[in-house]
């Protein structure tokens, strides 16, 4: 396969094609991670709101959703569960953000390699 603009032609080797494919997979993963991070942040915000509402309530037993069902649970137990859920979601968010940084670093390295060889013949930027 030949690619080129004007009179210059650059041969695309098997290794080049593998790098291009890897960049595409990393770009897809980057967008998936972006979406997952948004969902995780929303979940943490919702748990924070629930925690604040729980502080304001005067009831000793509150309704707590477990799966598809609401159960009457003591307020202290709900507070503990919400804090545990916030910790789990925060750790998950940290992992997602670390993976996103790793993906960005790999993409930057591949961009450097591919732009070095193909110059203006390849576009790796998003529109």
N, C-alpha and C. Protein backbone atom coordinates (compact mmCIF):
# COMPACT_ATOMS: atom_id res chain seq x y z
N UNK A 1 0.86 -1.18 0.00
CA UNK A 1 0.00 0.00 0.00
C UNK A 1 0.90 1.23 0.00
N UNK A 2 0.58 2.19 -0.82
CA UNK A 2 1.35 3.43 -0.93
C UNK A 2 0.48 4.59 -0.49
N UNK A 3 1.10 5.52 0.24
CA UNK A 3 0.41 6.75 0.62
C UNK A 3 1.32 7.90 0.26
N UNK A 4 0.73 9.01 -0.08
CA UNK A 4 1.58 10.15 -0.36
C UNK A 4 0.77 11.35 -0.80
N UNK A 5 1.41 12.49 -0.75
CA UNK A 5 0.80 13.71 -1.25
C UNK A 5 1.78 14.31 -2.24
N UNK A 6 1.25 14.81 -3.30
CA UNK A 6 2.12 15.42 -4.31
C UNK A 6 3.00 14.36 -4.94
N UNK A 7 4.29 14.64 -5.04
CA UNK A 7 5.20 13.73 -5.69
C UNK A 7 5.87 12.77 -4.73
N UNK A 8 5.79 13.01 -3.43
CA UNK A 8 6.48 12.13 -2.49
C UNK A 8 5.56 10.99 -2.06
N UNK A 9 6.13 9.79 -2.05
CA UNK A 9 5.38 8.62 -1.62
C UNK A 9 6.09 7.99 -0.45
N UNK A 10 5.31 7.61 0.54
CA UNK A 10 5.87 6.96 1.72
C UNK A 10 5.28 5.57 1.81
N UNK A 11 6.12 4.58 1.89
CA UNK A 11 5.64 3.20 1.98
C UNK A 11 5.18 2.93 3.40
N UNK A 12 4.02 2.27 3.51
CA UNK A 12 3.48 1.90 4.81
C UNK A 12 3.88 0.45 5.08
N UNK A 13 4.73 0.26 6.04
CA UNK A 13 5.18 -1.09 6.38
C UNK A 13 4.17 -1.75 7.31
N UNK A 14 4.38 -3.05 7.52
CA UNK A 14 3.51 -3.80 8.43
C UNK A 14 3.59 -3.19 9.82
N UNK A 15 4.78 -2.81 10.26
CA UNK A 15 4.96 -2.20 11.58
C UNK A 15 4.22 -0.86 11.67
N UNK A 16 4.27 -0.08 10.59
CA UNK A 16 3.54 1.19 10.57
C UNK A 16 2.04 0.95 10.73
N UNK A 17 1.55 -0.05 10.00
CA UNK A 17 0.12 -0.36 10.07
C UNK A 17 -0.26 -0.81 11.47
N UNK A 18 0.61 -1.57 12.13
CA UNK A 18 0.35 -2.00 13.50
C UNK A 18 0.30 -0.79 14.44
N UNK A 19 1.20 0.17 14.23
CA UNK A 19 1.19 1.38 15.05
C UNK A 19 -0.07 2.20 14.83
N UNK A 20 -0.51 2.29 13.59
CA UNK A 20 -1.74 3.02 13.28
C UNK A 20 -2.93 2.34 13.94
N UNK A 21 -2.99 1.02 13.85
CA UNK A 21 -4.08 0.26 14.47
C UNK A 21 -4.06 0.42 16.00
N UNK A 22 -2.87 0.36 16.58
CA UNK A 22 -2.74 0.53 18.02
C UNK A 22 -3.21 1.91 18.44
N UNK A 23 -2.84 2.93 17.66
CA UNK A 23 -3.29 4.29 17.97
C UNK A 23 -4.82 4.36 17.94
N UNK A 24 -5.44 3.73 16.95
CA UNK A 24 -6.90 3.72 16.86
C UNK A 24 -7.53 3.05 18.08
N UNK A 25 -6.97 1.91 18.50
CA UNK A 25 -7.50 1.23 19.68
C UNK A 25 -7.34 2.08 20.93
N UNK A 26 -6.17 2.72 21.06
CA UNK A 26 -5.94 3.59 22.22
C UNK A 26 -6.88 4.78 22.21
N UNK A 27 -7.14 5.33 21.05
CA UNK A 27 -8.06 6.47 20.94
C UNK A 27 -9.47 6.06 21.37
N UNK A 28 -9.90 4.86 20.95
CA UNK A 28 -11.21 4.36 21.37
C UNK A 28 -11.26 4.18 22.89
N UNK A 29 -10.19 3.60 23.44
CA UNK A 29 -10.14 3.39 24.89
C UNK A 29 -10.15 4.73 25.63
N UNK A 30 -9.46 5.73 25.08
CA UNK A 30 -9.44 7.06 25.68
C UNK A 30 -10.86 7.61 25.81
N UNK A 31 -11.66 7.46 24.75
CA UNK A 31 -13.04 7.97 24.80
C UNK A 31 -13.91 7.16 25.75
N UNK A 32 -13.68 5.85 25.81
CA UNK A 32 -14.41 5.02 26.77
C UNK A 32 -14.08 5.45 28.20
N UNK A 33 -12.80 5.69 28.46
CA UNK A 33 -12.38 6.12 29.79
C UNK A 33 -12.99 7.47 30.15
N UNK A 34 -13.05 8.38 29.18
CA UNK A 34 -13.68 9.68 29.42
C UNK A 34 -15.12 9.49 29.90
N UNK A 35 -15.86 8.63 29.20
CA UNK A 35 -17.25 8.37 29.58
C UNK A 35 -17.34 7.71 30.95
N UNK A 36 -16.47 6.74 31.23
CA UNK A 36 -16.48 6.07 32.52
C UNK A 36 -16.14 7.02 33.65
N UNK A 37 -15.22 7.95 33.40
CA UNK A 37 -14.85 8.93 34.42
C UNK A 37 -16.03 9.85 34.72
N UNK A 38 -16.75 10.27 33.68
CA UNK A 38 -17.94 11.11 33.90
C UNK A 38 -18.96 10.39 34.76
N UNK A 39 -19.20 9.11 34.47
CA UNK A 39 -20.17 8.32 35.23
C UNK A 39 -19.71 8.17 36.68
N UNK A 40 -18.42 7.91 36.89
CA UNK A 40 -17.89 7.75 38.24
C UNK A 40 -18.01 9.05 39.03
N UNK A 41 -17.73 10.19 38.38
CA UNK A 41 -17.86 11.47 39.07
C UNK A 41 -19.31 11.75 39.45
N UNK A 42 -20.24 11.41 38.56
CA UNK A 42 -21.66 11.59 38.86
C UNK A 42 -22.08 10.71 40.03
N UNK A 43 -21.58 9.48 40.07
CA UNK A 43 -21.92 8.58 41.17
C UNK A 43 -21.40 9.13 42.49
N UNK A 44 -20.18 9.66 42.49
CA UNK A 44 -19.62 10.23 43.72
C UNK A 44 -20.43 11.45 44.15
N UNK A 45 -20.82 12.29 43.19
CA UNK A 45 -21.65 13.46 43.51
C UNK A 45 -22.99 13.03 44.10
N UNK A 46 -23.60 12.00 43.51
CA UNK A 46 -24.88 11.51 44.02
C UNK A 46 -24.75 10.95 45.43
N UNK A 47 -23.65 10.24 45.69
CA UNK A 47 -23.44 9.71 47.04
C UNK A 47 -23.20 10.85 48.03
N UNK A 48 -22.50 11.88 47.60
CA UNK A 48 -22.28 13.04 48.46
C UNK A 48 -23.60 13.73 48.78
N UNK A 49 -24.47 13.86 47.76
CA UNK A 49 -25.79 14.45 47.98
C UNK A 49 -26.61 13.60 48.95
N UNK A 50 -26.55 12.29 48.78
CA UNK A 50 -27.29 11.39 49.67
C UNK A 50 -26.78 11.51 51.10
N UNK A 51 -25.47 11.61 51.23
CA UNK A 51 -24.87 11.77 52.56
C UNK A 51 -25.33 13.07 53.22
N UNK A 52 -25.37 14.14 52.45
CA UNK A 52 -25.83 15.44 52.97
C UNK A 52 -27.30 15.38 53.37
N UNK A 53 -28.11 14.72 52.57
CA UNK A 53 -29.54 14.60 52.89
C UNK A 53 -29.73 13.77 54.16
N UNK A 54 -28.89 12.78 54.31
CA UNK A 54 -28.98 11.91 55.49
C UNK A 54 -28.65 12.69 56.76
N UNK A 55 -27.73 13.63 56.66
CA UNK A 55 -27.37 14.45 57.81
C UNK A 55 -28.58 15.31 58.24
N UNK A 56 -29.35 15.75 57.27
CA UNK A 56 -30.48 16.63 57.56
C UNK A 56 -31.71 15.92 58.11
N UNK A 57 -31.80 14.62 57.91
CA UNK A 57 -33.00 13.90 58.33
C UNK A 57 -33.02 13.66 59.83
N UNK A 58 -34.22 13.63 60.39
CA UNK A 58 -34.39 13.39 61.82
C UNK A 58 -34.76 11.94 62.11
N UNK A 59 -35.02 11.18 61.08
CA UNK A 59 -35.49 9.80 61.26
C UNK A 59 -34.33 8.89 61.64
N UNK A 60 -34.64 7.91 62.48
CA UNK A 60 -33.63 6.94 62.91
C UNK A 60 -33.53 5.77 61.93
N UNK A 61 -34.62 5.50 61.20
CA UNK A 61 -34.64 4.43 60.20
C UNK A 61 -35.01 5.08 58.87
N UNK A 62 -34.17 4.84 57.86
CA UNK A 62 -34.41 5.44 56.54
C UNK A 62 -34.51 4.34 55.49
N UNK A 63 -35.09 4.70 54.35
CA UNK A 63 -35.18 3.75 53.25
C UNK A 63 -33.87 3.80 52.47
N UNK A 64 -33.31 2.62 52.21
CA UNK A 64 -32.03 2.50 51.51
C UNK A 64 -32.23 1.50 50.37
N UNK A 65 -31.82 1.89 49.16
CA UNK A 65 -32.01 1.02 48.01
C UNK A 65 -30.92 -0.04 47.96
N UNK A 66 -31.35 -1.27 47.94
CA UNK A 66 -30.46 -2.42 47.81
C UNK A 66 -30.91 -3.16 46.55
N UNK A 67 -30.16 -3.00 45.47
CA UNK A 67 -30.56 -3.58 44.20
C UNK A 67 -31.79 -2.86 43.67
N UNK A 68 -32.88 -3.59 43.53
CA UNK A 68 -34.13 -3.03 43.02
C UNK A 68 -35.11 -2.70 44.14
N UNK A 69 -34.75 -3.00 45.38
CA UNK A 69 -35.68 -2.90 46.50
C UNK A 69 -35.20 -1.84 47.49
N UNK A 70 -36.17 -1.15 48.09
CA UNK A 70 -35.86 -0.23 49.19
C UNK A 70 -36.11 -0.97 50.50
N UNK A 71 -35.15 -0.89 51.40
CA UNK A 71 -35.27 -1.54 52.70
C UNK A 71 -35.17 -0.48 53.78
N UNK A 72 -35.82 -0.73 54.91
CA UNK A 72 -35.71 0.18 56.06
C UNK A 72 -34.45 -0.23 56.83
N UNK A 73 -33.51 0.70 56.90
CA UNK A 73 -32.20 0.42 57.51
C UNK A 73 -31.92 1.53 58.51
N UNK A 74 -31.28 1.18 59.64
CA UNK A 74 -30.91 2.22 60.61
C UNK A 74 -30.01 3.28 59.98
N UNK A 75 -30.20 4.51 60.39
CA UNK A 75 -29.49 5.66 59.82
C UNK A 75 -27.97 5.49 59.89
N UNK A 76 -27.46 5.00 61.02
CA UNK A 76 -26.01 4.83 61.18
C UNK A 76 -25.44 3.84 60.16
N UNK A 77 -26.17 2.76 59.92
CA UNK A 77 -25.72 1.76 58.95
C UNK A 77 -25.71 2.34 57.54
N UNK A 78 -26.71 3.14 57.22
CA UNK A 78 -26.76 3.78 55.90
C UNK A 78 -25.59 4.75 55.74
N UNK A 79 -25.28 5.51 56.79
CA UNK A 79 -24.13 6.42 56.73
C UNK A 79 -22.84 5.65 56.46
N UNK A 80 -22.67 4.53 57.13
CA UNK A 80 -21.49 3.69 56.94
C UNK A 80 -21.42 3.15 55.51
N UNK A 81 -22.55 2.65 55.03
CA UNK A 81 -22.59 2.11 53.67
C UNK A 81 -22.28 3.18 52.62
N UNK A 82 -22.84 4.36 52.80
CA UNK A 82 -22.60 5.44 51.84
C UNK A 82 -21.12 5.82 51.83
N UNK A 83 -20.50 5.90 53.01
CA UNK A 83 -19.07 6.23 53.08
C UNK A 83 -18.23 5.15 52.38
N UNK A 84 -18.59 3.89 52.59
CA UNK A 84 -17.87 2.79 51.93
C UNK A 84 -18.03 2.88 50.42
N UNK A 85 -19.24 3.19 49.97
CA UNK A 85 -19.50 3.31 48.53
C UNK A 85 -18.72 4.47 47.94
N UNK A 86 -18.62 5.58 48.68
CA UNK A 86 -17.84 6.72 48.19
C UNK A 86 -16.36 6.37 48.07
N UNK A 87 -15.84 5.63 49.05
CA UNK A 87 -14.44 5.21 49.00
C UNK A 87 -14.17 4.31 47.79
N UNK A 88 -15.06 3.34 47.55
CA UNK A 88 -14.91 2.42 46.42
C UNK A 88 -14.95 3.20 45.11
N UNK A 89 -15.92 4.11 44.99
CA UNK A 89 -16.03 4.91 43.76
C UNK A 89 -14.84 5.84 43.58
N UNK A 90 -14.32 6.39 44.66
CA UNK A 90 -13.15 7.26 44.55
C UNK A 90 -11.92 6.48 44.08
N UNK A 91 -11.73 5.28 44.61
CA UNK A 91 -10.60 4.45 44.18
C UNK A 91 -10.76 4.06 42.71
N UNK A 92 -11.98 3.74 42.32
CA UNK A 92 -12.25 3.40 40.93
C UNK A 92 -11.95 4.60 40.02
N UNK A 93 -12.34 5.79 40.44
CA UNK A 93 -12.09 7.01 39.68
C UNK A 93 -10.58 7.24 39.53
N UNK A 94 -9.83 7.03 40.60
CA UNK A 94 -8.37 7.19 40.53
C UNK A 94 -7.76 6.23 39.51
N UNK A 95 -8.21 4.97 39.53
CA UNK A 95 -7.70 3.98 38.59
C UNK A 95 -8.01 4.38 37.15
N UNK A 96 -9.22 4.86 36.92
CA UNK A 96 -9.62 5.27 35.58
C UNK A 96 -8.77 6.45 35.11
N UNK A 97 -8.54 7.41 35.99
CA UNK A 97 -7.74 8.57 35.62
C UNK A 97 -6.29 8.19 35.35
N UNK A 98 -5.75 7.25 36.13
CA UNK A 98 -4.39 6.76 35.89
C UNK A 98 -4.30 6.06 34.53
N UNK A 99 -5.30 5.23 34.24
CA UNK A 99 -5.30 4.54 32.95
C UNK A 99 -5.41 5.54 31.81
N UNK A 100 -6.22 6.59 32.00
CA UNK A 100 -6.37 7.61 30.96
C UNK A 100 -5.03 8.30 30.70
N UNK A 101 -4.29 8.62 31.76
CA UNK A 101 -2.97 9.24 31.60
C UNK A 101 -2.01 8.31 30.86
N UNK A 102 -2.08 7.03 31.18
CA UNK A 102 -1.22 6.04 30.51
C UNK A 102 -1.56 5.96 29.01
N UNK A 103 -2.84 5.96 28.71
CA UNK A 103 -3.29 5.90 27.31
C UNK A 103 -2.82 7.15 26.56
N UNK A 104 -2.95 8.32 27.19
CA UNK A 104 -2.51 9.56 26.56
C UNK A 104 -1.00 9.54 26.28
N UNK A 105 -0.22 9.00 27.22
CA UNK A 105 1.23 8.93 27.02
C UNK A 105 1.58 8.00 25.85
N UNK A 106 0.89 6.87 25.77
CA UNK A 106 1.13 5.93 24.66
C UNK A 106 0.73 6.55 23.33
N UNK A 107 -0.38 7.28 23.33
CA UNK A 107 -0.83 7.93 22.10
C UNK A 107 0.17 9.00 21.66
N UNK A 108 0.72 9.75 22.61
CA UNK A 108 1.69 10.79 22.28
C UNK A 108 2.94 10.16 21.66
N UNK A 109 3.39 9.04 22.19
CA UNK A 109 4.56 8.36 21.65
C UNK A 109 4.30 7.86 20.22
N UNK A 110 3.11 7.28 20.02
CA UNK A 110 2.77 6.81 18.67
C UNK A 110 2.63 7.97 17.69
N UNK A 111 2.08 9.09 18.15
CA UNK A 111 1.97 10.28 17.28
C UNK A 111 3.35 10.72 16.83
N UNK A 112 4.30 10.74 17.78
CA UNK A 112 5.65 11.16 17.46
C UNK A 112 6.26 10.24 16.39
N UNK A 113 6.08 8.94 16.54
CA UNK A 113 6.62 7.98 15.58
C UNK A 113 5.96 8.14 14.22
N UNK A 114 4.63 8.19 14.22
CA UNK A 114 3.90 8.22 12.95
C UNK A 114 4.06 9.55 12.22
N UNK A 115 4.00 10.67 12.95
CA UNK A 115 4.21 11.96 12.30
C UNK A 115 5.65 12.10 11.83
N UNK A 116 6.59 11.48 12.53
CA UNK A 116 7.98 11.51 12.11
C UNK A 116 8.18 10.85 10.76
N UNK A 117 7.42 9.79 10.52
CA UNK A 117 7.59 9.08 9.25
C UNK A 117 6.70 9.66 8.15
N UNK A 118 5.42 9.92 8.49
CA UNK A 118 4.46 10.30 7.45
C UNK A 118 4.22 11.80 7.33
N UNK A 119 4.69 12.57 8.27
CA UNK A 119 4.53 14.03 8.27
C UNK A 119 3.07 14.43 8.04
N UNK A 120 2.78 15.16 6.97
CA UNK A 120 1.43 15.65 6.70
C UNK A 120 0.54 14.60 6.02
N UNK A 121 1.08 13.46 5.69
CA UNK A 121 0.32 12.42 5.00
C UNK A 121 -0.65 11.70 5.90
N UNK A 122 -0.52 11.90 7.21
CA UNK A 122 -1.39 11.20 8.16
C UNK A 122 -1.98 12.25 9.11
N UNK A 123 -3.23 12.03 9.49
CA UNK A 123 -3.90 12.92 10.43
C UNK A 123 -4.34 12.11 11.63
N UNK A 124 -3.77 12.37 12.78
CA UNK A 124 -4.10 11.66 14.00
C UNK A 124 -4.88 12.54 14.97
N UNK A 125 -5.17 13.76 14.55
CA UNK A 125 -5.89 14.70 15.41
C UNK A 125 -7.39 14.52 15.21
N UNK A 126 -8.14 14.82 16.27
CA UNK A 126 -9.59 14.76 16.17
C UNK A 126 -10.12 16.10 15.70
N UNK A 127 -11.18 16.03 14.92
CA UNK A 127 -11.76 17.28 14.42
C UNK A 127 -12.77 17.85 15.37
